[in-house]
Amino acid sequence: MIILASGSPRRKELLANLGYDFKIVTSDADETPTKTVPTEVVEELSRKKGEAVYEKLKAEGGFIDQENLIISADTLVFLGNERIGKPKDKDDAFRILKELSGNVHDVITGVTLTYVYNGSVKRVSFHEITHVTVYPLTDNEIRDYIATGEPMDKAGAYAIQGFFAKHIKKIDGEYSNVVGLPVARLYHEVKKLLEA
């Protein structure tokens, strides 16, 4: 059984595109990182989520003796080493989008695969980085975008698959990573893990 440790509709859709049958078990992990390097932060957070779901399912019984794969992920936006989270309000969204305007930023996803088989547990973590270049934005373009409501629950204050797509100049890396799950890399990492 494959378990997605996320309630994100975007991750659910991306994982379904791989043709996997899976169920969702959300994590209640503490998402406060102890690391500071962006790639280490996302891997740490994905591990915490995977471990929390593993413990939850293990407590229900029978889980450890079956073949199961937990996929947990965390996607963050960084401008340099500055983490750009979800905006607190419209003014914060304006500030974030003004910072991203005309610049290149990184979208980094950490993924942890927790493979449970015959009573043993194997964890593999990796990360994927996508560099995103945003066209320069006018203040009016930023205000118009904020008025859509789309940026208010998104890290980096934008959704690449939505209205903001017209402002993306260039993507270096996997597009689906920016949406929330690097599906091509995930597919190959799962394949490698299950064949080992």
N, C-alpha and C. Protein backbone atom coordinates (compact mmCIF):
# COMPACT_ATOMS: atom_id res chain seq x y z
N MET A 1 0.84 -1.17 0.00
CA MET A 1 0.00 0.00 0.00
C MET A 1 0.89 1.24 0.00
N ILE A 2 0.50 2.23 -0.77
CA ILE A 2 1.20 3.51 -0.79
C ILE A 2 0.38 4.51 0.01
N ILE A 3 1.06 5.25 0.88
CA ILE A 3 0.41 6.26 1.71
C ILE A 3 1.05 7.60 1.40
N LEU A 4 0.23 8.59 1.08
CA LEU A 4 0.70 9.95 0.89
C LEU A 4 0.49 10.70 2.19
N ALA A 5 1.57 11.18 2.76
CA ALA A 5 1.51 11.87 4.06
C ALA A 5 1.23 13.35 3.85
N SER A 6 0.14 13.66 3.16
CA SER A 6 -0.19 15.05 2.87
C SER A 6 -1.66 15.15 2.48
N GLY A 7 -2.28 16.23 2.91
CA GLY A 7 -3.65 16.50 2.50
C GLY A 7 -3.72 17.47 1.34
N SER A 8 -2.57 17.84 0.79
CA SER A 8 -2.52 18.82 -0.30
C SER A 8 -3.23 18.30 -1.55
N PRO A 9 -4.22 19.03 -2.05
CA PRO A 9 -4.89 18.60 -3.28
C PRO A 9 -3.93 18.55 -4.48
N ARG A 10 -2.94 19.43 -4.48
CA ARG A 10 -1.97 19.44 -5.59
C ARG A 10 -1.09 18.18 -5.55
N ARG A 11 -0.61 17.81 -4.36
CA ARG A 11 0.20 16.60 -4.27
C ARG A 11 -0.62 15.36 -4.61
N LYS A 12 -1.87 15.35 -4.16
CA LYS A 12 -2.76 14.22 -4.47
C LYS A 12 -2.92 14.07 -5.98
N GLU A 13 -3.16 15.17 -6.67
CA GLU A 13 -3.32 15.14 -8.12
C GLU A 13 -2.03 14.70 -8.82
N LEU A 14 -0.89 15.22 -8.38
CA LEU A 14 0.39 14.85 -8.99
C LEU A 14 0.70 13.37 -8.80
N LEU A 15 0.46 12.86 -7.59
CA LEU A 15 0.72 11.44 -7.33
C LEU A 15 -0.23 10.56 -8.14
N ALA A 16 -1.48 10.97 -8.26
CA ALA A 16 -2.45 10.21 -9.06
C ALA A 16 -2.02 10.14 -10.52
N ASN A 17 -1.34 11.18 -11.00
CA ASN A 17 -0.85 11.19 -12.39
C ASN A 17 0.18 10.10 -12.66
N LEU A 18 0.80 9.59 -11.60
CA LEU A 18 1.75 8.49 -11.76
C LEU A 18 1.04 7.15 -11.88
N GLY A 19 -0.27 7.13 -11.65
CA GLY A 19 -1.02 5.89 -11.75
C GLY A 19 -0.98 5.04 -10.49
N TYR A 20 -0.46 5.59 -9.40
CA TYR A 20 -0.40 4.85 -8.15
C TYR A 20 -1.76 4.84 -7.46
N ASP A 21 -2.10 3.70 -6.86
CA ASP A 21 -3.22 3.64 -5.93
C ASP A 21 -2.65 4.02 -4.57
N PHE A 22 -3.28 4.92 -3.89
CA PHE A 22 -2.74 5.35 -2.60
C PHE A 22 -3.87 5.86 -1.71
N LYS A 23 -3.55 5.93 -0.43
CA LYS A 23 -4.48 6.55 0.50
C LYS A 23 -3.74 7.70 1.18
N ILE A 24 -4.51 8.61 1.71
CA ILE A 24 -3.94 9.79 2.36
C ILE A 24 -4.04 9.65 3.87
N VAL A 25 -2.92 9.86 4.54
CA VAL A 25 -2.88 9.94 5.99
C VAL A 25 -2.08 11.20 6.31
N THR A 26 -2.75 12.19 6.86
CA THR A 26 -2.06 13.46 7.10
C THR A 26 -1.15 13.39 8.32
N SER A 27 -0.13 14.20 8.27
CA SER A 27 0.86 14.25 9.34
C SER A 27 0.52 15.36 10.32
N ASP A 28 0.81 15.09 11.59
CA ASP A 28 0.66 16.13 12.61
C ASP A 28 2.04 16.47 13.19
N ALA A 29 3.07 16.32 12.36
CA ALA A 29 4.44 16.56 12.80
C ALA A 29 4.69 18.03 13.09
N ASP A 30 5.58 18.29 14.01
CA ASP A 30 6.06 19.64 14.26
C ASP A 30 6.88 20.05 13.05
N GLU A 31 6.51 21.14 12.41
CA GLU A 31 7.20 21.56 11.20
C GLU A 31 8.17 22.71 11.45
N THR A 32 8.78 22.68 12.63
CA THR A 32 9.81 23.66 12.95
C THR A 32 11.17 23.03 12.65
N PRO A 33 11.88 23.57 11.64
CA PRO A 33 13.17 22.95 11.29
C PRO A 33 14.27 23.31 12.29
N THR A 34 15.22 22.40 12.43
CA THR A 34 16.42 22.68 13.22
C THR A 34 17.59 23.02 12.31
N LYS A 35 17.46 22.71 11.04
CA LYS A 35 18.50 22.97 10.05
C LYS A 35 18.35 24.39 9.50
N THR A 36 19.41 24.88 8.83
CA THR A 36 19.34 26.22 8.24
C THR A 36 19.61 26.22 6.74
N VAL A 37 20.33 25.22 6.24
CA VAL A 37 20.61 25.13 4.81
C VAL A 37 19.32 24.70 4.11
N PRO A 38 18.87 25.45 3.08
CA PRO A 38 17.57 25.16 2.46
C PRO A 38 17.32 23.70 2.09
N THR A 39 18.29 23.04 1.46
CA THR A 39 18.07 21.63 1.07
C THR A 39 17.94 20.72 2.28
N GLU A 40 18.66 21.04 3.34
CA GLU A 40 18.57 20.25 4.58
C GLU A 40 17.25 20.51 5.29
N VAL A 41 16.75 21.74 5.22
CA VAL A 41 15.47 22.08 5.84
C VAL A 41 14.34 21.25 5.24
N VAL A 42 14.25 21.22 3.90
CA VAL A 42 13.14 20.50 3.26
C VAL A 42 13.24 19.00 3.49
N GLU A 43 14.44 18.45 3.48
CA GLU A 43 14.58 17.02 3.76
C GLU A 43 14.21 16.71 5.21
N GLU A 44 14.63 17.57 6.14
CA GLU A 44 14.28 17.36 7.55
C GLU A 44 12.76 17.39 7.75
N LEU A 45 12.10 18.37 7.15
CA LEU A 45 10.65 18.48 7.30
C LEU A 45 9.92 17.30 6.67
N SER A 46 10.41 16.84 5.52
CA SER A 46 9.76 15.67 4.89
C SER A 46 9.96 14.43 5.75
N ARG A 47 11.13 14.28 6.35
CA ARG A 47 11.38 13.13 7.25
C ARG A 47 10.46 13.18 8.47
N LYS A 48 10.32 14.37 9.06
CA LYS A 48 9.45 14.51 10.23
C LYS A 48 8.01 14.10 9.90
N LYS A 49 7.52 14.52 8.75
CA LYS A 49 6.16 14.17 8.33
C LYS A 49 6.03 12.66 8.14
N GLY A 50 7.01 12.06 7.47
CA GLY A 50 6.98 10.61 7.24
C GLY A 50 7.04 9.83 8.54
N GLU A 51 7.89 10.27 9.46
CA GLU A 51 8.00 9.58 10.75
C GLU A 51 6.71 9.69 11.55
N ALA A 52 6.06 10.85 11.50
CA ALA A 52 4.80 11.04 12.24
C ALA A 52 3.71 10.12 11.70
N VAL A 53 3.62 10.00 10.39
CA VAL A 53 2.61 9.12 9.80
C VAL A 53 2.96 7.65 10.08
N TYR A 54 4.23 7.31 10.01
CA TYR A 54 4.66 5.94 10.34
C TYR A 54 4.23 5.58 11.77
N GLU A 55 4.49 6.47 12.73
CA GLU A 55 4.15 6.21 14.13
C GLU A 55 2.64 6.10 14.30
N LYS A 56 1.89 6.93 13.60
CA LYS A 56 0.43 6.90 13.68
C LYS A 56 -0.10 5.55 13.18
N LEU A 57 0.40 5.09 12.04
CA LEU A 57 -0.06 3.82 11.46
C LEU A 57 0.43 2.63 12.26
N LYS A 58 1.63 2.72 12.79
CA LYS A 58 2.18 1.65 13.61
C LYS A 58 1.33 1.46 14.87
N ALA A 59 0.86 2.56 15.45
CA ALA A 59 0.03 2.49 16.65
C ALA A 59 -1.31 1.82 16.38
N GLU A 60 -1.78 1.88 15.14
CA GLU A 60 -3.04 1.23 14.78
C GLU A 60 -2.90 -0.29 14.68
N GLY A 61 -1.65 -0.78 14.56
CA GLY A 61 -1.39 -2.22 14.53
C GLY A 61 -1.42 -2.82 13.14
N GLY A 62 -0.59 -3.84 12.93
CA GLY A 62 -0.54 -4.57 11.68
C GLY A 62 0.26 -3.91 10.58
N PHE A 63 0.52 -2.64 10.70
CA PHE A 63 1.19 -1.87 9.65
C PHE A 63 2.61 -2.36 9.40
N ILE A 64 3.35 -2.61 10.47
CA ILE A 64 4.76 -2.96 10.36
C ILE A 64 4.98 -4.32 9.68
N ASP A 65 3.99 -5.20 9.73
CA ASP A 65 4.14 -6.53 9.15
C ASP A 65 3.69 -6.61 7.70
N GLN A 66 3.22 -5.51 7.16
CA GLN A 66 2.77 -5.48 5.76
C GLN A 66 3.75 -4.67 4.93
N GLU A 67 3.62 -4.78 3.61
CA GLU A 67 4.45 -3.96 2.72
C GLU A 67 3.75 -2.63 2.49
N ASN A 68 4.40 -1.55 2.91
CA ASN A 68 3.84 -0.21 2.80
C ASN A 68 4.93 0.78 2.41
N LEU A 69 4.52 1.82 1.70
CA LEU A 69 5.44 2.89 1.33
C LEU A 69 4.77 4.22 1.67
N ILE A 70 5.40 4.98 2.56
CA ILE A 70 4.91 6.31 2.92
C ILE A 70 5.71 7.32 2.11
N ILE A 71 5.00 8.19 1.41
CA ILE A 71 5.63 9.28 0.67
C ILE A 71 5.29 10.57 1.39
N SER A 72 6.33 11.23 1.90
CA SER A 72 6.12 12.51 2.59
C SER A 72 6.99 13.57 1.92
N ALA A 73 6.47 14.79 1.88
CA ALA A 73 7.18 15.85 1.17
C ALA A 73 6.95 17.20 1.81
N ASP A 74 7.87 18.11 1.57
CA ASP A 74 7.71 19.50 1.98
C ASP A 74 8.34 20.37 0.90
N THR A 75 7.59 21.37 0.44
CA THR A 75 8.07 22.27 -0.61
C THR A 75 8.17 23.68 -0.04
N LEU A 76 9.32 24.29 -0.23
CA LEU A 76 9.56 25.65 0.25
C LEU A 76 10.13 26.50 -0.86
N VAL A 77 9.93 27.81 -0.73
CA VAL A 77 10.43 28.78 -1.70
C VAL A 77 11.54 29.59 -1.02
N PHE A 78 12.64 29.75 -1.73
CA PHE A 78 13.77 30.51 -1.20
C PHE A 78 14.23 31.55 -2.22
N LEU A 79 14.47 32.75 -1.74
CA LEU A 79 15.13 33.78 -2.53
C LEU A 79 16.49 33.96 -1.87
N GLY A 80 17.52 33.41 -2.52
CA GLY A 80 18.81 33.28 -1.85
C GLY A 80 18.65 32.28 -0.73
N ASN A 81 19.06 32.65 0.48
CA ASN A 81 18.85 31.78 1.64
C ASN A 81 17.64 32.18 2.46
N GLU A 82 16.89 33.20 1.97
CA GLU A 82 15.69 33.66 2.70
C GLU A 82 14.50 32.79 2.32
N ARG A 83 13.90 32.20 3.33
CA ARG A 83 12.71 31.38 3.13
C ARG A 83 11.49 32.29 2.94
N ILE A 84 10.76 32.07 1.85
CA ILE A 84 9.58 32.86 1.55
C ILE A 84 8.35 31.98 1.82
N GLY A 85 7.67 32.25 2.89
CA GLY A 85 6.51 31.44 3.25
C GLY A 85 5.22 31.96 2.65
N LYS A 86 4.12 31.55 3.25
CA LYS A 86 2.81 32.04 2.83
C LYS A 86 2.65 33.47 3.36
N PRO A 87 2.01 34.33 2.58
CA PRO A 87 1.84 35.71 3.05
C PRO A 87 0.88 35.78 4.24
N LYS A 88 1.16 36.71 5.15
CA LYS A 88 0.31 36.91 6.33
C LYS A 88 -0.97 37.67 5.97
N ASP A 89 -0.84 38.56 4.99
CA ASP A 89 -1.97 39.37 4.54
C ASP A 89 -1.65 39.92 3.15
N LYS A 90 -2.51 40.78 2.62
CA LYS A 90 -2.32 41.31 1.27
C LYS A 90 -1.06 42.17 1.16
N ASP A 91 -0.75 42.92 2.20
CA ASP A 91 0.46 43.74 2.19
C ASP A 91 1.71 42.86 2.13
N ASP A 92 1.68 41.77 2.87
CA ASP A 92 2.81 40.85 2.86
C ASP A 92 2.93 40.16 1.49
N ALA A 93 1.79 39.81 0.89
CA ALA A 93 1.81 39.22 -0.45
C ALA A 93 2.42 40.21 -1.45
N PHE A 94 2.06 41.47 -1.33
CA PHE A 94 2.62 42.50 -2.22
C PHE A 94 4.13 42.57 -2.05
N ARG A 95 4.60 42.58 -0.80
CA ARG A 95 6.04 42.65 -0.52
C ARG A 95 6.77 41.45 -1.12
N ILE A 96 6.21 40.25 -0.93
CA ILE A 96 6.84 39.03 -1.45
C ILE A 96 6.91 39.07 -2.97
N LEU A 97 5.81 39.39 -3.61
CA LEU A 97 5.78 39.40 -5.08
C LEU A 97 6.71 40.48 -5.64
N LYS A 98 6.82 41.60 -4.93
CA LYS A 98 7.75 42.67 -5.34
C LYS A 98 9.19 42.15 -5.28
N GLU A 99 9.51 41.35 -4.26
CA GLU A 99 10.86 40.76 -4.13
C GLU A 99 11.14 39.75 -5.24
N LEU A 100 10.14 38.97 -5.61
CA LEU A 100 10.32 37.95 -6.65
C LEU A 100 10.36 38.57 -8.05
N SER A 101 9.75 39.74 -8.21
CA SER A 101 9.67 40.41 -9.51
C SER A 101 11.05 40.62 -10.13
N GLY A 102 11.23 40.08 -11.35
CA GLY A 102 12.48 40.25 -12.07
C GLY A 102 13.64 39.42 -11.55
N ASN A 103 13.38 38.56 -10.60
CA ASN A 103 14.45 37.77 -9.98
C ASN A 103 14.26 36.27 -10.22
N VAL A 104 15.33 35.54 -9.90
CA VAL A 104 15.30 34.08 -9.91
C VAL A 104 15.21 33.62 -8.46
N HIS A 105 14.30 32.68 -8.21
CA HIS A 105 14.20 32.10 -6.87
C HIS A 105 14.18 30.58 -7.01
N ASP A 106 14.36 29.92 -5.90
CA ASP A 106 14.39 28.45 -5.89
C ASP A 106 13.15 27.90 -5.22
N VAL A 107 12.59 26.87 -5.83
CA VAL A 107 11.54 26.08 -5.21
C VAL A 107 12.19 24.73 -4.92
N ILE A 108 12.24 24.38 -3.66
CA ILE A 108 12.95 23.16 -3.24
C ILE A 108 11.96 22.24 -2.52
N THR A 109 11.89 21.01 -2.99
CA THR A 109 11.04 20.01 -2.36
C THR A 109 11.92 18.92 -1.78
N GLY A 110 11.69 18.61 -0.52
CA GLY A 110 12.31 17.45 0.10
C GLY A 110 11.29 16.33 0.13
N VAL A 111 11.74 15.13 -0.19
CA VAL A 111 10.85 13.97 -0.19
C VAL A 111 11.51 12.87 0.63
N THR A 112 10.72 12.22 1.46
CA THR A 112 11.20 11.04 2.19
C THR A 112 10.29 9.86 1.86
N LEU A 113 10.93 8.77 1.49
CA LEU A 113 10.24 7.50 1.24
C LEU A 113 10.50 6.61 2.44
N THR A 114 9.45 6.19 3.11
CA THR A 114 9.57 5.27 4.24
C THR A 114 8.99 3.94 3.79
N TYR A 115 9.88 2.97 3.58
CA TYR A 115 9.48 1.67 3.05
C TYR A 115 9.45 0.66 4.18
N VAL A 116 8.28 0.10 4.41
CA VAL A 116 8.09 -0.88 5.48
C VAL A 116 7.85 -2.24 4.82
N TYR A 117 8.69 -3.23 5.17
CA TYR A 117 8.58 -4.54 4.54
C TYR A 117 9.10 -5.61 5.50
N ASN A 118 8.28 -6.62 5.77
CA ASN A 118 8.68 -7.74 6.64
C ASN A 118 9.27 -7.29 7.97
N GLY A 119 8.65 -6.31 8.58
CA GLY A 119 9.09 -5.87 9.90
C GLY A 119 10.26 -4.91 9.91
N SER A 120 10.83 -4.59 8.75
CA SER A 120 11.94 -3.64 8.73
C SER A 120 11.49 -2.33 8.08
N VAL A 121 12.25 -1.28 8.38
CA VAL A 121 11.93 0.05 7.87
C VAL A 121 13.18 0.62 7.20
N LYS A 122 12.99 1.13 6.00
CA LYS A 122 14.08 1.79 5.28
C LYS A 122 13.60 3.17 4.86
N ARG A 123 14.41 4.20 5.17
CA ARG A 123 14.06 5.57 4.80
C ARG A 123 15.09 6.13 3.81
N VAL A 124 14.57 6.76 2.79
CA VAL A 124 15.42 7.42 1.79
C VAL A 124 14.89 8.84 1.62
N SER A 125 15.77 9.82 1.76
CA SER A 125 15.37 11.21 1.54
C SER A 125 16.16 11.81 0.39
N PHE A 126 15.51 12.69 -0.34
CA PHE A 126 16.18 13.42 -1.41
C PHE A 126 15.49 14.77 -1.58
N HIS A 127 16.09 15.62 -2.37
CA HIS A 127 15.48 16.92 -2.65
C HIS A 127 15.62 17.24 -4.13
N GLU A 128 14.75 18.10 -4.57
CA GLU A 128 14.75 18.56 -5.96
C GLU A 128 14.67 20.09 -5.93
N ILE A 129 15.51 20.72 -6.75
CA ILE A 129 15.54 22.18 -6.82
C ILE A 129 15.11 22.62 -8.21
N THR A 130 14.19 23.56 -8.27
CA THR A 130 13.78 24.17 -9.53
C THR A 130 14.00 25.67 -9.41
N HIS A 131 14.71 26.23 -10.38
CA HIS A 131 14.97 27.67 -10.41
C HIS A 131 13.88 28.33 -11.26
N VAL A 132 13.22 29.31 -10.70
CA VAL A 132 12.11 29.97 -11.37
C VAL A 132 12.45 31.45 -11.55
N THR A 133 12.35 31.92 -12.80
CA THR A 133 12.59 33.32 -13.11
C THR A 133 11.24 34.00 -13.36
N VAL A 134 11.01 35.10 -12.67
CA VAL A 134 9.76 35.85 -12.80
C VAL A 134 10.03 37.11 -13.63
N TYR A 135 9.14 37.36 -14.60
CA TYR A 135 9.23 38.62 -15.34
C TYR A 135 9.09 39.79 -14.36
N PRO A 136 9.66 40.94 -14.69
CA PRO A 136 9.41 42.12 -13.85
C PRO A 136 7.91 42.43 -13.83
N LEU A 137 7.41 42.72 -12.64
CA LEU A 137 5.99 42.99 -12.44
C LEU A 137 5.78 44.46 -12.08
N THR A 138 4.74 45.05 -12.64
CA THR A 138 4.37 46.40 -12.20
C THR A 138 3.57 46.28 -10.92
N ASP A 139 3.46 47.39 -10.19
CA ASP A 139 2.65 47.38 -8.98
C ASP A 139 1.20 47.01 -9.28
N ASN A 140 0.69 47.49 -10.43
CA ASN A 140 -0.69 47.16 -10.81
C ASN A 140 -0.85 45.68 -11.10
N GLU A 141 0.14 45.05 -11.75
CA GLU A 141 0.06 43.61 -12.01
C GLU A 141 0.05 42.83 -10.70
N ILE A 142 0.85 43.28 -9.75
CA ILE A 142 0.89 42.61 -8.45
C ILE A 142 -0.46 42.76 -7.75
N ARG A 143 -1.01 43.96 -7.73
CA ARG A 143 -2.31 44.19 -7.09
C ARG A 143 -3.41 43.37 -7.76
N ASP A 144 -3.40 43.32 -9.10
CA ASP A 144 -4.40 42.54 -9.83
C ASP A 144 -4.31 41.06 -9.46
N TYR A 145 -3.08 40.56 -9.34
CA TYR A 145 -2.91 39.17 -8.99
C TYR A 145 -3.38 38.90 -7.56
N ILE A 146 -3.04 39.78 -6.64
CA ILE A 146 -3.48 39.61 -5.25
C ILE A 146 -5.01 39.62 -5.18
N ALA A 147 -5.65 40.44 -6.01
CA ALA A 147 -7.12 40.53 -6.01
C ALA A 147 -7.78 39.21 -6.40
N THR A 148 -7.05 38.30 -7.07
CA THR A 148 -7.63 37.00 -7.42
C THR A 148 -7.78 36.12 -6.18
N GLY A 149 -7.06 36.43 -5.11
CA GLY A 149 -7.09 35.63 -3.89
C GLY A 149 -6.15 34.43 -3.94
N GLU A 150 -5.65 34.12 -5.11
CA GLU A 150 -4.81 32.93 -5.30
C GLU A 150 -3.54 32.92 -4.45
N PRO A 151 -2.87 34.04 -4.27
CA PRO A 151 -1.58 33.97 -3.57
C PRO A 151 -1.66 33.81 -2.06
N MET A 152 -2.83 33.90 -1.48
CA MET A 152 -2.92 34.01 -0.04
C MET A 152 -2.60 32.72 0.74
N ASP A 153 -2.68 31.57 0.12
CA ASP A 153 -2.34 30.34 0.84
C ASP A 153 -1.19 29.59 0.18
N LYS A 154 -0.35 30.33 -0.54
CA LYS A 154 0.75 29.71 -1.28
C LYS A 154 2.10 30.20 -0.77
N ALA A 155 3.02 29.29 -0.56
CA ALA A 155 4.40 29.68 -0.25
C ALA A 155 4.92 30.47 -1.44
N GLY A 156 5.55 31.60 -1.18
CA GLY A 156 6.03 32.44 -2.25
C GLY A 156 4.94 33.32 -2.83
N ALA A 157 3.73 33.21 -2.34
CA ALA A 157 2.58 34.04 -2.72
C ALA A 157 2.18 33.90 -4.18
N TYR A 158 2.43 32.72 -4.77
CA TYR A 158 1.94 32.51 -6.14
C TYR A 158 1.69 31.03 -6.40
N ALA A 159 0.85 30.78 -7.39
CA ALA A 159 0.57 29.42 -7.86
C ALA A 159 0.94 29.37 -9.33
N ILE A 160 1.97 28.63 -9.66
CA ILE A 160 2.47 28.59 -11.03
C ILE A 160 1.45 28.01 -12.00
N GLN A 161 0.57 27.16 -11.50
CA GLN A 161 -0.42 26.52 -12.37
C GLN A 161 -1.69 27.36 -12.52
N GLY A 162 -1.70 28.54 -11.91
CA GLY A 162 -2.89 29.39 -11.96
C GLY A 162 -2.65 30.67 -12.74
N PHE A 163 -3.26 31.74 -12.24
CA PHE A 163 -3.19 33.04 -12.92
C PHE A 163 -1.76 33.57 -13.05
N PHE A 164 -0.88 33.14 -12.16
CA PHE A 164 0.49 33.67 -12.16
C PHE A 164 1.35 33.13 -13.29
N ALA A 165 0.88 32.10 -13.98
CA ALA A 165 1.68 31.46 -15.05
C ALA A 165 2.16 32.47 -16.08
N LYS A 166 1.38 33.51 -16.34
CA LYS A 166 1.77 34.50 -17.36
C LYS A 166 2.96 35.35 -16.93
N HIS A 167 3.35 35.27 -15.67
CA HIS A 167 4.47 36.05 -15.16
C HIS A 167 5.76 35.21 -15.02
N ILE A 168 5.70 33.95 -15.38
CA ILE A 168 6.88 33.08 -15.27
C ILE A 168 7.67 33.16 -16.57
N LYS A 169 8.88 33.65 -16.45
CA LYS A 169 9.75 33.81 -17.63
C LYS A 169 10.45 32.51 -17.99
N LYS A 170 10.93 31.81 -16.96
CA LYS A 170 11.75 30.63 -17.23
C LYS A 170 11.72 29.68 -16.04
N ILE A 171 11.75 28.39 -16.35
CA ILE A 171 11.84 27.36 -15.31
C ILE A 171 13.02 26.46 -15.65
N ASP A 172 13.96 26.37 -14.74
CA ASP A 172 15.08 25.43 -14.87
C ASP A 172 14.85 24.33 -13.85
N GLY A 173 14.43 23.16 -14.33
CA GLY A 173 14.15 22.05 -13.43
C GLY A 173 12.77 21.51 -13.69
N GLU A 174 12.32 20.66 -12.79
CA GLU A 174 11.06 19.96 -12.97
C GLU A 174 9.87 20.85 -12.60
N TYR A 175 8.97 21.05 -13.57
CA TYR A 175 7.78 21.89 -13.37
C TYR A 175 6.94 21.40 -12.20
N SER A 176 6.69 20.10 -12.13
CA SER A 176 5.81 19.58 -11.08
C SER A 176 6.39 19.81 -9.68
N ASN A 177 7.69 19.99 -9.59
CA ASN A 177 8.31 20.32 -8.31
C ASN A 177 7.77 21.64 -7.78
N VAL A 178 7.55 22.61 -8.68
CA VAL A 178 7.05 23.92 -8.27
C VAL A 178 5.61 23.80 -7.78
N VAL A 179 4.87 22.85 -8.33
CA VAL A 179 3.48 22.63 -7.92
C VAL A 179 3.43 21.91 -6.57
N GLY A 180 4.48 21.14 -6.22
CA GLY A 180 4.52 20.54 -4.89
C GLY A 180 5.05 19.13 -4.78
N LEU A 181 5.40 18.49 -5.91
CA LEU A 181 5.94 17.13 -5.83
C LEU A 181 6.69 16.82 -7.12
N PRO A 182 7.99 16.53 -7.03
CA PRO A 182 8.77 16.24 -8.25
C PRO A 182 8.47 14.82 -8.75
N VAL A 183 7.42 14.68 -9.55
CA VAL A 183 6.90 13.35 -9.88
C VAL A 183 7.88 12.49 -10.67
N ALA A 184 8.60 13.06 -11.60
CA ALA A 184 9.55 12.24 -12.38
C ALA A 184 10.64 11.69 -11.47
N ARG A 185 11.22 12.55 -10.66
CA ARG A 185 12.26 12.10 -9.73
C ARG A 185 11.68 11.11 -8.73
N LEU A 186 10.47 11.39 -8.23
CA LEU A 186 9.82 10.49 -7.29
C LEU A 186 9.63 9.10 -7.88
N TYR A 187 9.13 9.05 -9.11
CA TYR A 187 8.90 7.77 -9.78
C TYR A 187 10.18 6.94 -9.82
N HIS A 188 11.29 7.57 -10.21
CA HIS A 188 12.55 6.84 -10.35
C HIS A 188 13.14 6.46 -8.99
N GLU A 189 12.95 7.31 -7.98
CA GLU A 189 13.44 6.98 -6.64
C GLU A 189 12.64 5.81 -6.04
N VAL A 190 11.32 5.79 -6.26
CA VAL A 190 10.49 4.69 -5.77
C VAL A 190 10.90 3.39 -6.47
N LYS A 191 11.06 3.46 -7.79
CA LYS A 191 11.48 2.29 -8.56
C LYS A 191 12.81 1.71 -8.05
N LYS A 192 13.76 2.60 -7.82
CA LYS A 192 15.08 2.19 -7.33
C LYS A 192 14.96 1.55 -5.94
N LEU A 193 14.16 2.15 -5.06
CA LEU A 193 13.99 1.63 -3.71
C LEU A 193 13.34 0.25 -3.71
N LEU A 194 12.32 0.06 -4.51
CA LEU A 194 11.61 -1.21 -4.53
C LEU A 194 12.40 -2.32 -5.22
N GLU A 195 13.33 -1.95 -6.09
CA GLU A 195 14.15 -2.95 -6.78
C GLU A 195 15.38 -3.34 -5.97
N ALA A 196 15.72 -2.54 -4.93
CA ALA A 196 16.94 -2.80 -4.16
C ALA A 196 16.79 -4.03 -3.29
